[in-house]
N, C-alpha and C. Protein backbone atom coordinates (compact mmCIF):
# COMPACT_ATOMS: atom_id res chain seq x y z
N MET A 1 5.53 6.89 -2.96
CA MET A 1 4.55 7.87 -3.33
C MET A 1 4.70 8.13 -4.82
N LEU A 2 3.60 8.04 -5.55
CA LEU A 2 3.64 8.23 -7.00
C LEU A 2 3.58 9.68 -7.42
N ARG A 3 2.55 10.38 -6.92
CA ARG A 3 2.39 11.77 -7.36
C ARG A 3 1.45 12.53 -6.43
N ILE A 4 1.61 13.86 -6.45
CA ILE A 4 0.71 14.77 -5.74
C ILE A 4 0.09 15.68 -6.79
N ASP A 5 -1.19 15.90 -6.70
CA ASP A 5 -1.90 16.80 -7.60
C ASP A 5 -1.31 18.20 -7.48
N PRO A 6 -1.23 18.96 -8.57
CA PRO A 6 -0.70 20.33 -8.50
C PRO A 6 -1.40 21.21 -7.47
N SER A 7 -2.65 20.90 -7.15
CA SER A 7 -3.36 21.68 -6.13
C SER A 7 -2.75 21.48 -4.75
N GLY A 8 -2.00 20.37 -4.57
CA GLY A 8 -1.40 20.06 -3.28
C GLY A 8 -2.38 19.50 -2.27
N GLU A 9 -3.58 19.15 -2.71
CA GLU A 9 -4.60 18.68 -1.78
C GLU A 9 -4.73 17.16 -1.71
N PHE A 10 -4.25 16.45 -2.73
CA PHE A 10 -4.35 14.99 -2.75
C PHE A 10 -3.27 14.40 -3.64
N GLY A 11 -3.13 13.09 -3.57
CA GLY A 11 -2.14 12.41 -4.40
C GLY A 11 -2.46 10.94 -4.49
N PHE A 12 -1.50 10.18 -5.02
CA PHE A 12 -1.68 8.75 -5.20
C PHE A 12 -0.42 8.02 -4.75
N LEU A 13 -0.64 6.92 -4.04
CA LEU A 13 0.42 6.04 -3.59
C LEU A 13 0.40 4.80 -4.46
N GLU A 14 1.53 4.09 -4.53
CA GLU A 14 1.58 2.81 -5.21
C GLU A 14 1.69 1.72 -4.16
N ALA A 15 0.72 0.82 -4.15
CA ALA A 15 0.72 -0.30 -3.21
C ALA A 15 1.76 -1.33 -3.65
N ALA A 16 2.10 -2.24 -2.75
CA ALA A 16 3.10 -3.27 -3.04
C ALA A 16 2.72 -4.10 -4.27
N ASP A 17 1.43 -4.29 -4.50
CA ASP A 17 1.00 -5.08 -5.66
C ASP A 17 0.85 -4.24 -6.93
N GLY A 18 1.18 -2.95 -6.84
CA GLY A 18 1.19 -2.09 -8.01
C GLY A 18 -0.05 -1.24 -8.24
N HIS A 19 -1.14 -1.48 -7.50
CA HIS A 19 -2.33 -0.66 -7.73
C HIS A 19 -2.17 0.70 -7.05
N GLU A 20 -2.86 1.69 -7.61
CA GLU A 20 -2.79 3.05 -7.08
C GLU A 20 -3.84 3.26 -6.01
N ILE A 21 -3.45 4.01 -4.99
CA ILE A 21 -4.35 4.32 -3.88
C ILE A 21 -4.38 5.84 -3.69
N TYR A 22 -5.57 6.40 -3.72
CA TYR A 22 -5.79 7.82 -3.49
C TYR A 22 -5.51 8.17 -2.03
N PHE A 23 -4.96 9.36 -1.79
CA PHE A 23 -4.89 9.89 -0.43
C PHE A 23 -5.16 11.39 -0.45
N ASN A 24 -5.75 11.88 0.60
CA ASN A 24 -5.98 13.30 0.80
C ASN A 24 -4.85 13.80 1.70
N CYS A 25 -4.36 14.98 1.47
CA CYS A 25 -3.25 15.49 2.27
C CYS A 25 -3.59 15.61 3.75
N ASN A 26 -4.87 15.69 4.08
CA ASN A 26 -5.26 15.69 5.49
C ASN A 26 -4.92 14.36 6.17
N SER A 27 -4.70 13.31 5.37
CA SER A 27 -4.38 11.98 5.91
C SER A 27 -2.89 11.80 6.17
N VAL A 28 -2.06 12.72 5.68
CA VAL A 28 -0.61 12.62 5.85
C VAL A 28 -0.24 13.23 7.19
N LEU A 29 0.27 12.40 8.11
CA LEU A 29 0.54 12.86 9.47
C LEU A 29 1.49 14.04 9.51
N GLU A 30 2.50 14.06 8.64
CA GLU A 30 3.49 15.13 8.62
C GLU A 30 3.10 16.27 7.67
N GLY A 31 1.99 16.11 6.97
CA GLY A 31 1.55 17.10 5.99
C GLY A 31 2.18 16.86 4.63
N CYS A 32 1.52 17.27 3.57
CA CYS A 32 2.00 17.02 2.22
C CYS A 32 3.29 17.78 1.89
N ALA A 33 3.59 18.83 2.61
CA ALA A 33 4.82 19.56 2.36
C ALA A 33 6.05 18.70 2.64
N ASN A 34 5.89 17.65 3.44
CA ASN A 34 7.00 16.78 3.82
C ASN A 34 7.03 15.46 3.07
N ILE A 35 6.29 15.35 1.98
CA ILE A 35 6.27 14.11 1.21
C ILE A 35 6.65 14.43 -0.23
N ALA A 36 7.45 13.56 -0.83
CA ALA A 36 7.91 13.77 -2.20
C ALA A 36 7.74 12.50 -3.01
N VAL A 37 7.72 12.64 -4.32
CA VAL A 37 7.65 11.48 -5.20
C VAL A 37 8.82 10.57 -4.87
N GLY A 38 8.55 9.30 -4.67
CA GLY A 38 9.58 8.33 -4.32
C GLY A 38 9.70 8.08 -2.84
N ALA A 39 9.01 8.87 -2.02
CA ALA A 39 9.07 8.67 -0.57
C ALA A 39 8.43 7.33 -0.21
N HIS A 40 8.98 6.69 0.80
CA HIS A 40 8.40 5.45 1.31
C HIS A 40 7.47 5.80 2.46
N VAL A 41 6.27 5.25 2.43
CA VAL A 41 5.26 5.57 3.43
C VAL A 41 4.60 4.30 3.95
N SER A 42 3.99 4.42 5.11
CA SER A 42 3.09 3.38 5.60
C SER A 42 1.71 4.02 5.66
N TYR A 43 0.68 3.20 5.56
CA TYR A 43 -0.68 3.73 5.54
C TYR A 43 -1.66 2.62 5.85
N ALA A 44 -2.86 3.02 6.21
CA ALA A 44 -3.97 2.08 6.36
C ALA A 44 -4.83 2.24 5.12
N GLU A 45 -5.18 1.13 4.48
CA GLU A 45 -6.02 1.19 3.29
C GLU A 45 -7.47 0.93 3.67
N GLU A 46 -8.35 1.77 3.14
CA GLU A 46 -9.78 1.58 3.39
C GLU A 46 -10.53 1.83 2.09
N LEU A 47 -11.76 1.41 2.05
CA LEU A 47 -12.58 1.60 0.86
C LEU A 47 -13.35 2.90 0.99
N GLY A 48 -13.08 3.83 0.08
CA GLY A 48 -13.79 5.10 0.06
C GLY A 48 -14.92 5.07 -0.95
N GLU A 49 -15.58 6.19 -1.14
CA GLU A 49 -16.71 6.28 -2.07
C GLU A 49 -16.31 5.95 -3.51
N LYS A 50 -15.06 6.26 -3.87
CA LYS A 50 -14.60 6.06 -5.25
C LYS A 50 -13.55 4.97 -5.37
N GLY A 51 -13.44 4.11 -4.36
CA GLY A 51 -12.47 3.02 -4.42
C GLY A 51 -11.50 3.09 -3.26
N PRO A 52 -10.37 2.37 -3.38
CA PRO A 52 -9.42 2.33 -2.28
C PRO A 52 -8.83 3.70 -1.99
N GLN A 53 -8.62 3.98 -0.72
CA GLN A 53 -7.94 5.21 -0.33
C GLN A 53 -7.09 4.94 0.89
N ALA A 54 -6.07 5.76 1.06
CA ALA A 54 -5.15 5.60 2.18
C ALA A 54 -5.53 6.57 3.29
N SER A 55 -5.41 6.10 4.51
CA SER A 55 -5.59 6.98 5.67
C SER A 55 -4.39 6.78 6.58
N THR A 56 -4.17 7.69 7.47
CA THR A 56 -3.06 7.65 8.41
C THR A 56 -1.75 7.37 7.67
N VAL A 57 -1.41 8.24 6.72
CA VAL A 57 -0.19 8.09 5.92
C VAL A 57 0.98 8.64 6.72
N LYS A 58 2.00 7.81 6.91
CA LYS A 58 3.20 8.21 7.65
C LYS A 58 4.41 8.07 6.75
N VAL A 59 5.21 9.14 6.65
CA VAL A 59 6.42 9.12 5.83
C VAL A 59 7.49 8.33 6.57
N LEU A 60 8.02 7.28 5.92
CA LEU A 60 9.08 6.46 6.51
C LEU A 60 10.45 6.93 6.06
N SER A 61 10.56 7.33 4.80
CA SER A 61 11.80 7.90 4.28
C SER A 61 11.44 8.97 3.27
N LYS A 62 12.20 10.03 3.26
CA LYS A 62 11.90 11.15 2.37
C LYS A 62 12.65 11.04 1.06
N HIS A 63 13.13 9.83 0.74
CA HIS A 63 13.85 9.60 -0.51
C HIS A 63 13.03 10.12 -1.68
N SER A 64 13.67 10.82 -2.56
CA SER A 64 12.99 11.34 -3.74
C SER A 64 13.67 10.79 -4.98
N MET A 65 12.87 10.46 -5.99
CA MET A 65 13.42 9.95 -7.24
C MET A 65 13.72 11.09 -8.21
N ARG A 66 13.48 12.31 -7.82
CA ARG A 66 13.75 13.46 -8.69
C ARG A 66 15.25 13.65 -8.83
N THR A 67 15.68 14.09 -10.01
CA THR A 67 17.11 14.34 -10.23
C THR A 67 17.35 15.80 -10.49
C-alpha cells in the first residue's frame, strides 16, 4: 500500500509492475483503519471511470514501513 488520502476515504496501491491503482476505503474488506503504508494486500483490478482501480482489497500483512 502506497498511501491513504488524509480524508481517510481513499488511497493508492502499487501494483507488481509499479503502476499506481486507486482504491476507495469501501473496497477494503477490513476497513481502512486496518491498513497502513507498506501493508501487503491482494485485490481485484478493474477499470473505473478514471482508470484502474482496486476492488475487494484484502490485507495480507499489516507490515508498515513507518519508523
